[in-house]
Every structure is written in structure tokens, then in C-alpha cells.
Amino acid sequence: MAEKQANKRQLRHVRLRKKVAGTTERPRLAVHFSERHITAQVIDDTIGKTVASVHTTESELRSDKTTRANVETAVKVGKLIAERVSSKSVKKVVFDRGGFKYHGKVKALADAAREAGLEF
């Protein structure tokens, strides 16, 4: 059953990526959620480079033993990615939800990034 859901998510992601692309002015904020971890990257697709990234395996987030792929951690990741991107003078991004439905962890990460100063 999980394989079928993952396949559906990948199809949604392909369909979404046809419309969403990051530029130098507005890079793409891509998120991914696995069973245990959360990843957020800000990517400039014109040159194929990652501007900033956050992963729950980093020492800043790993030091807290309650770090899981849940809403609470998604809020932390959203705030942290916004801080890292703003230090590189990027204020506007395009949100790429990675084929995941926009609720729960995805919505929490997006709202936290908006509160920390990102515009999308």
C-alpha cells in the first residue's frame, strides 16, 4: 500500500514541477518528508545550485531527541530555512510541496517560513 501512495506522490510531483521552477530572483523552496526526516532546500533551477538547505539530521536539530518528521519539527525547519535564505539576501521564493498534499507538516513548514520572513 505504501508503494502505491509513493507512486501517486511522485506523479503529483512531476505534474507540479511542470509549472514550478526557481529563478535567480525567486528560487524554489522544495520540501521532502520521509518516515523519519524532513528536508527543505532553496534551489536556483537556472544554474542548478542549492542556495540553502536544512535537514533534520543536522546537529542543530539532532541535538533535540524529540526530532521526528512531525508538525513540531516542520515548524523548526521552516524557521531555520527562512533564516538561512535571508542571510543570503533572498526574500521571495516559489513553494514546491514535492507532491505532498498541502496540510499538516507541509502547511506548518510553509507557515513558519512565511512568519520568519519569506514571501510566497
C-alpha atoms as a PDB file:
ATOM      1  CA  MET A   1       0.000   0.000   0.000  1.00  0.00           C
ATOM      2  CA  ALA A   2       2.791   2.414   0.845  1.00  0.00           C
ATOM      3  CA  GLU A   3       4.401   1.799  -2.546  1.00  0.00           C
ATOM      4  CA  LYS A   4       1.201   2.795  -4.323  1.00  0.00           C
ATOM      5  CA  GLN A   5       0.967   6.024  -2.286  1.00  0.00           C
ATOM      6  CA  ALA A   6       4.590   6.895  -3.028  1.00  0.00           C
ATOM      7  CA  ASN A   7       3.980   6.358  -6.728  1.00  0.00           C
ATOM      8  CA  LYS A   8       0.955   8.687  -6.632  1.00  0.00           C
ATOM      9  CA  ARG A   9       3.047  11.313  -4.838  1.00  0.00           C
ATOM     10  CA  GLN A  10       5.755  11.055  -7.478  1.00  0.00           C
ATOM     11  CA  LEU A  11       3.185  11.543 -10.233  1.00  0.00           C
ATOM     12  CA  ARG A  12       1.786  14.615  -8.461  1.00  0.00           C
ATOM     13  CA  HIS A  13       5.329  15.953  -8.073  1.00  0.00           C
ATOM     14  CA  VAL A  14       6.097  15.536 -11.780  1.00  0.00           C
ATOM     15  CA  ARG A  15       2.850  17.306 -12.649  1.00  0.00           C
ATOM     16  CA  LEU A  16       3.668  20.111 -10.215  1.00  0.00           C
ATOM     17  CA  ARG A  17       7.250  20.547 -11.456  1.00  0.00           C
ATOM     18  CA  LYS A  18       5.967  21.274 -14.965  1.00  0.00           C
ATOM     19  CA  LYS A  19       4.603  24.535 -13.573  1.00  0.00           C
ATOM     20  CA  VAL A  20       7.023  25.413 -10.753  1.00  0.00           C
ATOM     21  CA  ALA A  21      10.612  26.444 -11.427  1.00  0.00           C
ATOM     22  CA  GLY A  22      13.076  28.520  -9.433  1.00  0.00           C
ATOM     23  CA  THR A  23      14.888  31.504 -10.877  1.00  0.00           C
ATOM     24  CA  THR A  24      17.699  33.637  -9.550  1.00  0.00           C
ATOM     25  CA  GLU A  25      15.181  36.252  -8.346  1.00  0.00           C
ATOM     26  CA  ARG A  26      12.734  33.664  -6.934  1.00  0.00           C
ATOM     27  CA  PRO A  27      14.390  30.330  -6.149  1.00  0.00           C
ATOM     28  CA  ARG A  28      12.318  27.231  -5.447  1.00  0.00           C
ATOM     29  CA  LEU A  29      11.704  26.110  -1.851  1.00  0.00           C
ATOM     30  CA  ALA A  30      11.467  22.325  -2.208  1.00  0.00           C
ATOM     31  CA  VAL A  31      10.362  20.161   0.720  1.00  0.00           C
ATOM     32  CA  HIS A  32      10.521  16.423   1.244  1.00  0.00           C
ATOM     33  CA  PHE A  33       9.203  14.299   4.088  1.00  0.00           C
ATOM     34  CA  SER A  34      10.273  10.737   4.759  1.00  0.00           C
ATOM     35  CA  GLU A  35       9.135   8.491   7.578  1.00  0.00           C
ATOM     36  CA  ARG A  36      11.751   9.959   9.953  1.00  0.00           C
ATOM     37  CA  HIS A  37      13.202  13.113   8.429  1.00  0.00           C
ATOM     38  CA  ILE A  38      12.333  16.446   6.841  1.00  0.00           C
ATOM     39  CA  THR A  39      14.386  18.173   4.148  1.00  0.00           C
ATOM     40  CA  ALA A  40      13.966  21.714   2.838  1.00  0.00           C
ATOM     41  CA  GLN A  41      16.094  23.185   0.058  1.00  0.00           C
ATOM     42  CA  VAL A  42      16.088  26.513  -1.724  1.00  0.00           C
ATOM     43  CA  ILE A  43      17.197  25.841  -5.303  1.00  0.00           C
ATOM     44  CA  ASP A  44      18.066  28.123  -8.217  1.00  0.00           C
ATOM     45  CA  ASP A  45      16.987  25.988 -11.182  1.00  0.00           C
ATOM     46  CA  THR A  46      18.559  28.247 -13.816  1.00  0.00           C
ATOM     47  CA  ILE A  47      22.053  27.252 -12.689  1.00  0.00           C
ATOM     48  CA  GLY A  48      21.112  24.057 -10.846  1.00  0.00           C
ATOM     49  CA  LYS A  49      22.549  25.114  -7.484  1.00  0.00           C
ATOM     50  CA  THR A  50      21.205  24.815  -3.959  1.00  0.00           C
ATOM     51  CA  VAL A  51      21.217  28.206  -2.239  1.00  0.00           C
ATOM     52  CA  ALA A  52      20.468  26.859   1.264  1.00  0.00           C
ATOM     53  CA  SER A  53      19.228  23.661   2.842  1.00  0.00           C
ATOM     54  CA  VAL A  54      18.031  22.227   6.139  1.00  0.00           C
ATOM     55  CA  HIS A  55      17.800  18.554   7.101  1.00  0.00           C
ATOM     56  CA  THR A  56      16.728  17.045  10.393  1.00  0.00           C
ATOM     57  CA  THR A  57      19.987  15.080  10.631  1.00  0.00           C
ATOM     58  CA  GLU A  58      21.959  18.303  11.170  1.00  0.00           C
ATOM     59  CA  SER A  59      23.495  18.864  14.588  1.00  0.00           C
ATOM     60  CA  GLU A  60      21.240  21.869  15.332  1.00  0.00           C
ATOM     61  CA  LEU A  61      18.111  19.752  15.030  1.00  0.00           C
ATOM     62  CA  ARG A  62      19.558  16.394  16.017  1.00  0.00           C
ATOM     63  CA  SER A  63      20.558  17.633  19.484  1.00  0.00           C
ATOM     64  CA  ASP A  64      16.846  17.640  20.379  1.00  0.00           C
ATOM     65  CA  LYS A  65      15.892  13.999  20.917  1.00  0.00           C
ATOM     66  CA  THR A  66      12.233  14.684  20.049  1.00  0.00           C
ATOM     67  CA  THR A  67      13.092  15.448  16.420  1.00  0.00           C
ATOM     68  CA  ARG A  68      10.798  13.409  14.178  1.00  0.00           C
ATOM     69  CA  ALA A  69       9.013  14.061  10.891  1.00  0.00           C
ATOM     70  CA  ASN A  70       6.079  15.775  12.582  1.00  0.00           C
ATOM     71  CA  VAL A  71       4.412  19.191  12.634  1.00  0.00           C
ATOM     72  CA  GLU A  72       6.548  20.474  15.513  1.00  0.00           C
ATOM     73  CA  THR A  73       9.775  19.685  13.680  1.00  0.00           C
ATOM     74  CA  ALA A  74       8.372  21.072  10.427  1.00  0.00           C
ATOM     75  CA  VAL A  75       7.904  24.439  12.147  1.00  0.00           C
ATOM     76  CA  LYS A  76      11.546  24.393  13.302  1.00  0.00           C
ATOM     77  CA  VAL A  77      12.746  23.503   9.799  1.00  0.00           C
ATOM     78  CA  GLY A  78      10.611  26.261   8.254  1.00  0.00           C
ATOM     79  CA  LYS A  79      12.056  28.908  10.561  1.00  0.00           C
ATOM     80  CA  LEU A  80      15.607  27.676  10.058  1.00  0.00           C
ATOM     81  CA  ILE A  81      15.410  27.615   6.250  1.00  0.00           C
ATOM     82  CA  ALA A  82      13.986  31.156   6.252  1.00  0.00           C
ATOM     83  CA  GLU A  83      16.874  32.366   8.414  1.00  0.00           C
ATOM     84  CA  ARG A  84      19.495  30.731   6.200  1.00  0.00           C
ATOM     85  CA  VAL A  85      17.984  32.081   2.989  1.00  0.00           C
ATOM     86  CA  SER A  86      17.532  35.599   4.329  1.00  0.00           C
ATOM     87  CA  SER A  87      21.228  35.675   5.242  1.00  0.00           C
ATOM     88  CA  LYS A  88      21.895  35.174   1.524  1.00  0.00           C
ATOM     89  CA  SER A  89      19.590  38.136   0.710  1.00  0.00           C
ATOM     90  CA  VAL A  90      16.707  36.120  -0.738  1.00  0.00           C
ATOM     91  CA  LYS A  91      13.230  37.223   0.330  1.00  0.00           C
ATOM     92  CA  LYS A  92      10.920  35.734  -2.304  1.00  0.00           C
ATOM     93  CA  VAL A  93      10.683  32.044  -3.199  1.00  0.00           C
ATOM     94  CA  VAL A  94       8.398  29.693  -5.102  1.00  0.00           C
ATOM     95  CA  PHE A  95       6.994  26.898  -2.921  1.00  0.00           C
ATOM     96  CA  ASP A  96       7.378  23.329  -4.211  1.00  0.00           C
ATOM     97  CA  ARG A  97       5.424  20.976  -1.951  1.00  0.00           C
ATOM     98  CA  GLY A  98       7.007  17.942  -3.614  1.00  0.00           C
ATOM     99  CA  GLY A  99       3.743  16.235  -4.495  1.00  0.00           C
ATOM    100  CA  PHE A 100       2.638  16.166  -0.866  1.00  0.00           C
ATOM    101  CA  LYS A 101      -0.828  17.474  -0.034  1.00  0.00           C
ATOM    102  CA  TYR A 102      -0.853  20.980   1.427  1.00  0.00           C
ATOM    103  CA  HIS A 103      -1.898  20.227   5.002  1.00  0.00           C
ATOM    104  CA  GLY A 104      -0.307  19.088   8.231  1.00  0.00           C
ATOM    105  CA  LYS A 105       3.502  19.108   8.069  1.00  0.00           C
ATOM    106  CA  VAL A 106       3.656  20.839   4.688  1.00  0.00           C
ATOM    107  CA  LYS A 107       1.364  23.653   5.795  1.00  0.00           C
ATOM    108  CA  ALA A 108       3.203  24.028   9.122  1.00  0.00           C
ATOM    109  CA  LEU A 109       6.577  24.339   7.381  1.00  0.00           C
ATOM    110  CA  ALA A 110       5.216  26.870   4.873  1.00  0.00           C
ATOM    111  CA  ASP A 111       3.527  28.994   7.555  1.00  0.00           C
ATOM    112  CA  ALA A 112       6.670  29.006   9.723  1.00  0.00           C
ATOM    113  CA  ALA A 113       8.797  30.093   6.753  1.00  0.00           C
ATOM    114  CA  ARG A 114       6.337  32.895   5.990  1.00  0.00           C
ATOM    115  CA  GLU A 115       6.354  34.077   9.609  1.00  0.00           C
ATOM    116  CA  ALA A 116      10.169  34.113   9.557  1.00  0.00           C
ATOM    117  CA  GLY A 117      10.179  36.478   6.570  1.00  0.00           C
ATOM    118  CA  LEU A 118       9.948  34.510   3.326  1.00  0.00           C
ATOM    119  CA  GLU A 119       7.391  35.624   0.751  1.00  0.00           C
ATOM    120  CA  PHE A 120       5.494  33.121  -1.396  1.00  0.00           C
END
